Amino acid sequence: MGKIIFYEDRNFGGRYYECMSDCSDLHSYFNRCNSCRVESGCWMIYERPNYMGYQYFLNRGEYPDYHRWMGFNDCIRSCRMIPMMRGSHRMRIYERMDFGGQMMELMDDCPNMMDRFRWSDCHSCHVMDGHWLFYEHPNYRGRMYYMRPGQYMRYNDWGAMNSRIGSIRRIMDY
């Protein structure tokens, strides 16, 4: 069971909302989010309703302002709890849409796609086991995308605007 608390003001002030499960639209609970506290579990928070827009990964801890989670603004409109996962991680990434072109299988973190695979465009993906984060730039920087088990036929299926992936990390932080 996870728990995250969203606060309208910085440093955990103002109106707040406690959440213990996925929520596709947080708008009715608060107008803005300037700080939050993750009491348990790992979470993805999203800039727009229905798990759209910029995504941010948060694990247990305190975030006294939105800059601490690398946010661009105080707008958080949905959140998703990442289920606790023990065991192996496995995913296949593809150079082309619809699982076409060259395929690479990952079972561990990849800090630099170009160095490891000699390509950094990922057009489709099949996550067999575990939960993962794609990052726009090498060394786990830039825009991130939460990848849970399933098939992603095109990069926009995981919310990306282009196929560039710089690094990939397993979610194992519990």
C-alpha atoms as a PDB file:
ATOM      1  CA  MET A   1       0.000   0.000   0.000  1.00  0.00           C
ATOM      2  CA  GLY A   2       1.329   3.412  -0.925  1.00  0.00           C
ATOM      3  CA  LYS A   3       0.543   6.882   0.319  1.00  0.00           C
ATOM      4  CA  ILE A   4       1.326  10.289  -1.156  1.00  0.00           C
ATOM      5  CA  ILE A   5       0.200  13.691   0.155  1.00  0.00           C
ATOM      6  CA  PHE A   6      -0.086  16.665  -2.205  1.00  0.00           C
ATOM      7  CA  TYR A   7       0.093  20.228  -0.832  1.00  0.00           C
ATOM      8  CA  GLU A   8      -0.960  23.418  -2.580  1.00  0.00           C
ATOM      9  CA  ASP A   9       1.817  25.522  -1.069  1.00  0.00           C
ATOM     10  CA  ARG A  10       5.552  25.072  -0.744  1.00  0.00           C
ATOM     11  CA  ASN A  11       6.980  23.458   2.391  1.00  0.00           C
ATOM     12  CA  PHE A  12       3.855  21.341   2.948  1.00  0.00           C
ATOM     13  CA  GLY A  13       1.485  24.240   3.535  1.00  0.00           C
ATOM     14  CA  GLY A  14      -2.034  25.060   2.452  1.00  0.00           C
ATOM     15  CA  ARG A  15      -4.744  22.659   1.393  1.00  0.00           C
ATOM     16  CA  TYR A  16      -3.653  19.071   1.031  1.00  0.00           C
ATOM     17  CA  TYR A  17      -4.918  15.786  -0.337  1.00  0.00           C
ATOM     18  CA  GLU A  18      -3.881  12.288   0.752  1.00  0.00           C
ATOM     19  CA  CYS A  19      -3.916   9.641  -1.950  1.00  0.00           C
ATOM     20  CA  MET A  20      -3.438   5.873  -1.603  1.00  0.00           C
ATOM     21  CA  SER A  21      -4.236   4.647  -5.119  1.00  0.00           C
ATOM     22  CA  ASP A  22      -4.205   5.678  -8.772  1.00  0.00           C
ATOM     23  CA  CYS A  23      -6.152   8.840  -9.534  1.00  0.00           C
ATOM     24  CA  SER A  24      -6.783   9.910 -13.126  1.00  0.00           C
ATOM     25  CA  ASP A  25      -7.972  13.438 -12.213  1.00  0.00           C
ATOM     26  CA  LEU A  26      -6.768  15.269  -9.103  1.00  0.00           C
ATOM     27  CA  HIS A  27      -8.149  18.666 -10.150  1.00  0.00           C
ATOM     28  CA  SER A  28     -11.109  18.598  -7.755  1.00  0.00           C
ATOM     29  CA  TYR A  29      -8.818  18.020  -4.726  1.00  0.00           C
ATOM     30  CA  PHE A  30      -6.388  20.923  -5.174  1.00  0.00           C
ATOM     31  CA  ASN A  31      -5.721  23.809  -7.568  1.00  0.00           C
ATOM     32  CA  ARG A  32      -1.941  23.567  -7.687  1.00  0.00           C
ATOM     33  CA  CYS A  33       0.792  21.370  -6.222  1.00  0.00           C
ATOM     34  CA  ASN A  34       3.888  23.052  -4.841  1.00  0.00           C
ATOM     35  CA  SER A  35       5.068  20.294  -2.496  1.00  0.00           C
ATOM     36  CA  CYS A  36       4.380  16.668  -1.674  1.00  0.00           C
ATOM     37  CA  ARG A  37       5.354  13.947   0.740  1.00  0.00           C
ATOM     38  CA  VAL A  38       5.615  10.275  -0.229  1.00  0.00           C
ATOM     39  CA  GLU A  39       5.028   8.304   2.949  1.00  0.00           C
ATOM     40  CA  SER A  40       5.205   4.896   1.304  1.00  0.00           C
ATOM     41  CA  GLY A  41       5.612   3.299  -2.090  1.00  0.00           C
ATOM     42  CA  CYS A  42       6.780   4.710  -5.394  1.00  0.00           C
ATOM     43  CA  TRP A  43       4.639   6.985  -7.557  1.00  0.00           C
ATOM     44  CA  MET A  44       4.468   8.555 -10.977  1.00  0.00           C
ATOM     45  CA  ILE A  45       2.828  11.959 -10.987  1.00  0.00           C
ATOM     46  CA  TYR A  46       1.607  13.571 -14.187  1.00  0.00           C
ATOM     47  CA  GLU A  47       1.150  17.138 -15.338  1.00  0.00           C
ATOM     48  CA  ARG A  48      -2.224  16.423 -16.998  1.00  0.00           C
ATOM     49  CA  PRO A  49      -5.291  14.276 -16.240  1.00  0.00           C
ATOM     50  CA  ASN A  50      -5.464  10.655 -17.411  1.00  0.00           C
ATOM     51  CA  TYR A  51      -1.723  10.072 -16.904  1.00  0.00           C
ATOM     52  CA  MET A  52      -0.678  12.456 -19.686  1.00  0.00           C
ATOM     53  CA  GLY A  53       1.914  15.209 -20.017  1.00  0.00           C
ATOM     54  CA  TYR A  54       5.205  15.412 -18.181  1.00  0.00           C
ATOM     55  CA  GLN A  55       5.827  12.479 -15.842  1.00  0.00           C
ATOM     56  CA  TYR A  56       7.825  12.472 -12.614  1.00  0.00           C
ATOM     57  CA  PHE A  57       9.002   9.508 -10.550  1.00  0.00           C
ATOM     58  CA  LEU A  58       8.816   9.942  -6.772  1.00  0.00           C
ATOM     59  CA  ASN A  59       9.944   7.519  -4.110  1.00  0.00           C
ATOM     60  CA  ARG A  60       9.637   7.759  -0.342  1.00  0.00           C
ATOM     61  CA  GLY A  61      10.665  11.185   0.917  1.00  0.00           C
ATOM     62  CA  GLU A  62       9.784  14.843   1.130  1.00  0.00           C
ATOM     63  CA  TYR A  63       9.620  17.259  -1.784  1.00  0.00           C
ATOM     64  CA  PRO A  64       9.231  20.794  -0.311  1.00  0.00           C
ATOM     65  CA  ASP A  65       8.789  22.393  -3.736  1.00  0.00           C
ATOM     66  CA  TYR A  66       8.175  21.166  -7.277  1.00  0.00           C
ATOM     67  CA  HIS A  67      11.795  21.809  -8.266  1.00  0.00           C
ATOM     68  CA  ARG A  68      12.797  18.887  -6.015  1.00  0.00           C
ATOM     69  CA  TRP A  69      11.037  16.452  -8.344  1.00  0.00           C
ATOM     70  CA  MET A  70      12.405  18.361 -11.354  1.00  0.00           C
ATOM     71  CA  GLY A  71       8.974  19.799 -12.133  1.00  0.00           C
ATOM     72  CA  PHE A  72       8.498  22.603 -14.628  1.00  0.00           C
ATOM     73  CA  ASN A  73       5.481  24.088 -12.858  1.00  0.00           C
ATOM     74  CA  ASP A  74       2.999  23.545 -10.021  1.00  0.00           C
ATOM     75  CA  CYS A  75       0.503  21.613 -12.113  1.00  0.00           C
ATOM     76  CA  ILE A  76      -0.095  17.975 -11.110  1.00  0.00           C
ATOM     77  CA  ARG A  77      -3.346  16.465 -12.373  1.00  0.00           C
ATOM     78  CA  SER A  78      -3.000  12.665 -12.027  1.00  0.00           C
ATOM     79  CA  CYS A  79      -0.931  10.073 -10.197  1.00  0.00           C
ATOM     80  CA  ARG A  80      -0.249   6.371 -10.417  1.00  0.00           C
ATOM     81  CA  MET A  81       1.109   4.106  -7.700  1.00  0.00           C
ATOM     82  CA  ILE A  82       3.838   1.789  -8.961  1.00  0.00           C
ATOM     83  CA  PRO A  83       3.147  -1.734  -7.684  1.00  0.00           C
ATOM     84  CA  MET A  84       5.793  -3.386  -5.582  1.00  0.00           C
ATOM     85  CA  MET A  85       7.703  -5.810  -7.778  1.00  0.00           C
ATOM     86  CA  ARG A  86      10.205  -8.409  -6.689  1.00  0.00           C
ATOM     87  CA  GLY A  87      11.980 -10.617  -9.161  1.00  0.00           C
ATOM     88  CA  SER A  88      13.374 -10.250 -12.633  1.00  0.00           C
ATOM     89  CA  HIS A  89      13.046  -7.408 -15.092  1.00  0.00           C
ATOM     90  CA  ARG A  90      12.875  -8.024 -18.818  1.00  0.00           C
ATOM     91  CA  MET A  91      12.000  -5.873 -21.805  1.00  0.00           C
ATOM     92  CA  ARG A  92      12.540  -5.811 -25.541  1.00  0.00           C
ATOM     93  CA  ILE A  93      13.060  -2.556 -27.375  1.00  0.00           C
ATOM     94  CA  TYR A  94      12.733  -2.186 -31.130  1.00  0.00           C
ATOM     95  CA  GLU A  95      14.248   0.158 -33.654  1.00  0.00           C
ATOM     96  CA  ARG A  96      10.971   0.492 -35.610  1.00  0.00           C
ATOM     97  CA  MET A  97       7.228   0.746 -34.934  1.00  0.00           C
ATOM     98  CA  ASP A  98       5.141  -2.414 -34.513  1.00  0.00           C
ATOM     99  CA  PHE A  99       8.150  -4.395 -33.193  1.00  0.00           C
ATOM    100  CA  GLY A 100      10.098  -4.019 -36.429  1.00  0.00           C
ATOM    101  CA  GLY A 101      13.766  -3.579 -37.160  1.00  0.00           C
ATOM    102  CA  GLN A 102      16.575  -4.411 -34.806  1.00  0.00           C
ATOM    103  CA  MET A 103      15.557  -5.765 -31.361  1.00  0.00           C
ATOM    104  CA  MET A 104      17.505  -5.566 -28.117  1.00  0.00           C
ATOM    105  CA  GLU A 105      16.593  -7.299 -24.872  1.00  0.00           C
ATOM    106  CA  LEU A 106      17.310  -5.683 -21.512  1.00  0.00           C
ATOM    107  CA  MET A 107      17.349  -7.213 -18.066  1.00  0.00           C
ATOM    108  CA  ASP A 108      19.286  -4.466 -16.312  1.00  0.00           C
ATOM    109  CA  ASP A 109      19.781  -0.699 -16.365  1.00  0.00           C
ATOM    110  CA  CYS A 110      21.252   1.035 -19.402  1.00  0.00           C
ATOM    111  CA  PRO A 111      22.819   4.432 -18.601  1.00  0.00           C
ATOM    112  CA  ASN A 112      23.602   5.215 -22.231  1.00  0.00           C
ATOM    113  CA  MET A 113      21.676   3.707 -25.148  1.00  0.00           C
ATOM    114  CA  MET A 114      24.081   4.966 -27.803  1.00  0.00           C
ATOM    115  CA  ASP A 115      27.140   3.522 -26.083  1.00  0.00           C
ATOM    116  CA  ARG A 116      25.507   0.151 -25.470  1.00  0.00           C
ATOM    117  CA  PHE A 117      23.436  -0.444 -28.600  1.00  0.00           C
ATOM    118  CA  ARG A 118      24.758   2.122 -31.114  1.00  0.00           C
ATOM    119  CA  TRP A 119      21.257   3.554 -31.557  1.00  0.00           C
ATOM    120  CA  SER A 120      19.027   5.714 -29.409  1.00  0.00           C
ATOM    121  CA  ASP A 121      15.707   5.718 -31.228  1.00  0.00           C
ATOM    122  CA  CYS A 122      13.189   3.318 -29.769  1.00  0.00           C
ATOM    123  CA  HIS A 123       9.953   3.146 -31.738  1.00  0.00           C
ATOM    124  CA  SER A 124       8.286   0.211 -29.951  1.00  0.00           C
ATOM    125  CA  CYS A 125       8.735  -1.822 -26.812  1.00  0.00           C
ATOM    126  CA  HIS A 126       7.485  -4.964 -25.081  1.00  0.00           C
ATOM    127  CA  VAL A 127       7.833  -5.001 -21.298  1.00  0.00           C
ATOM    128  CA  MET A 128       7.621  -8.617 -20.182  1.00  0.00           C
ATOM    129  CA  ASP A 129       8.625  -8.305 -16.518  1.00  0.00           C
ATOM    130  CA  GLY A 130       9.075  -5.473 -14.087  1.00  0.00           C
ATOM    131  CA  HIS A 131       8.531  -1.742 -14.180  1.00  0.00           C
ATOM    132  CA  TRP A 132      10.943   0.606 -15.960  1.00  0.00           C
ATOM    133  CA  LEU A 133      11.698   4.252 -16.647  1.00  0.00           C
ATOM    134  CA  PHE A 134      12.772   5.582 -20.037  1.00  0.00           C
ATOM    135  CA  TYR A 135      14.767   8.825 -19.963  1.00  0.00           C
ATOM    136  CA  GLU A 136      15.147  11.279 -22.798  1.00  0.00           C
ATOM    137  CA  HIS A 137      18.906  11.732 -22.218  1.00  0.00           C
ATOM    138  CA  PRO A 138      21.819   9.522 -21.131  1.00  0.00           C
ATOM    139  CA  ASN A 139      22.605   9.016 -17.446  1.00  0.00           C
ATOM    140  CA  TYR A 140      18.953   9.096 -16.369  1.00  0.00           C
ATOM    141  CA  ARG A 141      18.299  12.749 -17.158  1.00  0.00           C
ATOM    142  CA  GLY A 142      15.583  14.676 -18.909  1.00  0.00           C
ATOM    143  CA  ARG A 143      12.007  13.818 -19.524  1.00  0.00           C
ATOM    144  CA  MET A 144      10.969  10.405 -18.192  1.00  0.00           C
ATOM    145  CA  TYR A 145       8.360   7.814 -19.130  1.00  0.00           C
ATOM    146  CA  TYR A 146       6.932   5.068 -16.943  1.00  0.00           C
ATOM    147  CA  MET A 147       6.872   1.658 -18.631  1.00  0.00           C
ATOM    148  CA  ARG A 148       4.778  -1.063 -17.015  1.00  0.00           C
ATOM    149  CA  PRO A 149       4.271  -4.589 -18.353  1.00  0.00           C
ATOM    150  CA  GLY A 150       2.618  -4.551 -21.754  1.00  0.00           C
ATOM    151  CA  GLN A 151       3.142  -3.898 -25.433  1.00  0.00           C
ATOM    152  CA  TYR A 152       3.831  -0.425 -26.788  1.00  0.00           C
ATOM    153  CA  MET A 153       3.494  -0.428 -30.581  1.00  0.00           C
ATOM    154  CA  ARG A 154       4.628   3.194 -31.001  1.00  0.00           C
ATOM    155  CA  TYR A 155       6.499   5.710 -28.858  1.00  0.00           C
ATOM    156  CA  ASN A 156       3.385   7.821 -28.361  1.00  0.00           C
ATOM    157  CA  ASP A 157       1.820   4.800 -26.571  1.00  0.00           C
ATOM    158  CA  TRP A 158       4.084   5.637 -23.615  1.00  0.00           C
ATOM    159  CA  GLY A 159       3.446   9.381 -23.926  1.00  0.00           C
ATOM    160  CA  ALA A 160       6.577  10.417 -25.827  1.00  0.00           C
ATOM    161  CA  MET A 161       6.615  13.047 -28.563  1.00  0.00           C
ATOM    162  CA  ASN A 162       9.572  11.425 -30.321  1.00  0.00           C
ATOM    163  CA  SER A 163      11.454   8.147 -30.347  1.00  0.00           C
ATOM    164  CA  ARG A 164      14.651   9.372 -28.646  1.00  0.00           C
ATOM    165  CA  ILE A 165      15.608   7.363 -25.542  1.00  0.00           C
ATOM    166  CA  GLY A 166      18.939   8.146 -23.893  1.00  0.00           C
ATOM    167  CA  SER A 167      18.845   5.760 -20.926  1.00  0.00           C
ATOM    168  CA  ILE A 168      16.667   3.108 -19.273  1.00  0.00           C
ATOM    169  CA  ARG A 169      16.379   2.185 -15.589  1.00  0.00           C
ATOM    170  CA  ARG A 170      14.539  -0.546 -13.694  1.00  0.00           C
ATOM    171  CA  ILE A 171      12.254   0.627 -10.881  1.00  0.00           C
ATOM    172  CA  MET A 172      13.514  -1.209  -7.836  1.00  0.00           C
ATOM    173  CA  ASP A 173      13.416   1.507  -5.151  1.00  0.00           C
ATOM    174  CA  TYR A 174      11.193   0.321  -2.293  1.00  0.00           C
END
